[in-house]
């Protein structure tokens, strides 16, 4: 299953399945069309959301400033807006995690 990216006027919307309070900070695969991201932070006061953005930047080779939470601040199902990159390029970056 692939991640369902959507074009947005300011970049690309990427659906994320957040997994807080994990043992590691990593992209761990794809779940129901969402990129699954595990973080060690607890889901309180935006800590897990910030950690997810940091993992995305690190693992995909993007700048933290390119990654912003768009929807789902208090949900495990989130949308992040990735700016400065095409949906096609983003698909190629996340292809390695889609297995």
Protein backbone atom coordinates (compact mmCIF):
# COMPACT_ATOMS: atom_id res chain seq x y z
CA UNK A 1 0.00 0.00 0.00
CA UNK A 2 1.30 3.45 -0.83
CA UNK A 3 1.04 6.70 1.07
CA UNK A 4 -1.82 8.85 -0.26
CA UNK A 5 -0.16 12.21 -0.91
CA UNK A 6 -2.30 15.20 -1.94
CA UNK A 7 -1.20 18.36 -3.70
CA UNK A 8 -1.89 21.57 -1.76
CA UNK A 9 -1.42 25.19 -2.81
CA UNK A 10 1.49 25.47 -0.33
CA UNK A 11 3.07 22.05 -0.90
CA UNK A 12 2.08 18.42 -0.41
CA UNK A 13 -0.21 17.01 2.29
CA UNK A 14 1.17 13.79 3.74
CA UNK A 15 -1.00 11.60 5.99
CA UNK A 16 0.80 10.32 9.09
CA UNK A 17 -0.09 7.63 11.60
CA UNK A 18 1.60 8.77 14.80
CA UNK A 19 2.81 6.24 17.35
CA UNK A 20 3.88 8.09 20.54
CA UNK A 21 5.68 6.58 23.53
CA UNK A 22 7.57 4.10 21.34
CA UNK A 23 11.02 2.66 21.94
CA UNK A 24 12.51 4.48 18.96
CA UNK A 25 12.20 7.55 16.77
CA UNK A 26 11.75 6.24 13.23
CA UNK A 27 9.55 5.84 10.21
CA UNK A 28 8.31 2.29 10.67
CA UNK A 29 6.30 1.69 7.49
CA UNK A 30 2.93 2.39 5.95
CA UNK A 31 -0.44 1.75 7.60
CA UNK A 32 -3.77 2.30 5.77
CA UNK A 33 -2.30 4.79 3.30
CA UNK A 34 -0.48 6.73 6.02
CA UNK A 35 3.23 6.90 6.75
CA UNK A 36 3.66 5.41 10.23
CA UNK A 37 6.06 7.37 12.44
CA UNK A 38 7.08 6.14 15.89
CA UNK A 39 8.44 8.61 18.46
CA UNK A 40 9.57 8.24 22.06
CA UNK A 41 7.79 11.42 23.21
CA UNK A 42 4.44 11.30 25.00
CA UNK A 43 1.42 12.89 23.27
CA UNK A 44 1.28 15.95 25.52
CA UNK A 45 1.66 19.66 24.81
CA UNK A 46 2.65 19.01 21.18
CA UNK A 47 5.83 17.10 22.11
CA UNK A 48 4.97 14.06 19.98
CA UNK A 49 3.98 16.26 17.02
CA UNK A 50 7.31 18.10 17.18
CA UNK A 51 9.14 14.78 17.43
CA UNK A 52 7.29 13.45 14.37
CA UNK A 53 8.30 16.53 12.37
CA UNK A 54 11.90 16.05 13.49
CA UNK A 55 11.88 12.36 12.45
CA UNK A 56 10.39 13.25 9.06
CA UNK A 57 13.06 15.89 8.47
CA UNK A 58 15.86 13.58 9.53
CA UNK A 59 14.75 10.43 7.71
CA UNK A 60 13.62 12.13 4.50
CA UNK A 61 16.49 14.61 4.27
CA UNK A 62 14.26 17.68 4.54
CA UNK A 63 14.60 20.89 6.53
CA UNK A 64 12.46 21.18 9.68
CA UNK A 65 11.09 24.45 8.25
CA UNK A 66 9.58 22.47 5.32
CA UNK A 67 7.41 20.36 7.64
CA UNK A 68 4.32 21.74 9.39
CA UNK A 69 1.40 20.04 11.11
CA UNK A 70 -1.70 20.76 9.04
CA UNK A 71 -4.39 18.71 10.79
CA UNK A 72 -4.75 16.27 13.69
CA UNK A 73 -2.86 17.91 16.56
CA UNK A 74 -4.55 15.69 19.15
CA UNK A 75 -5.18 12.62 16.98
CA UNK A 76 -2.91 9.74 16.02
CA UNK A 77 -4.04 10.35 12.42
CA UNK A 78 -2.37 13.54 11.24
CA UNK A 79 -1.66 15.48 8.09
CA UNK A 80 1.62 17.27 7.66
CA UNK A 81 2.16 19.93 5.00
CA UNK A 82 5.51 19.45 3.28
CA UNK A 83 6.63 22.55 1.38
CA UNK A 84 9.30 23.07 -1.26
CA UNK A 85 8.96 19.60 -2.79
CA UNK A 86 6.76 17.94 -5.41
CA UNK A 87 4.48 15.02 -4.63
CA UNK A 88 6.48 12.92 -7.10
CA UNK A 89 9.78 13.65 -5.31
CA UNK A 90 8.20 13.02 -1.90
CA UNK A 91 6.86 9.66 -3.13
CA UNK A 92 10.38 8.68 -4.15
CA UNK A 93 11.74 9.68 -0.73
CA UNK A 94 9.20 7.59 1.17
CA UNK A 95 9.28 4.60 -1.23
CA UNK A 96 11.94 2.84 0.87
CA UNK A 97 9.61 2.81 3.89
CA UNK A 98 6.66 1.44 1.89
CA UNK A 99 7.14 -2.29 2.23
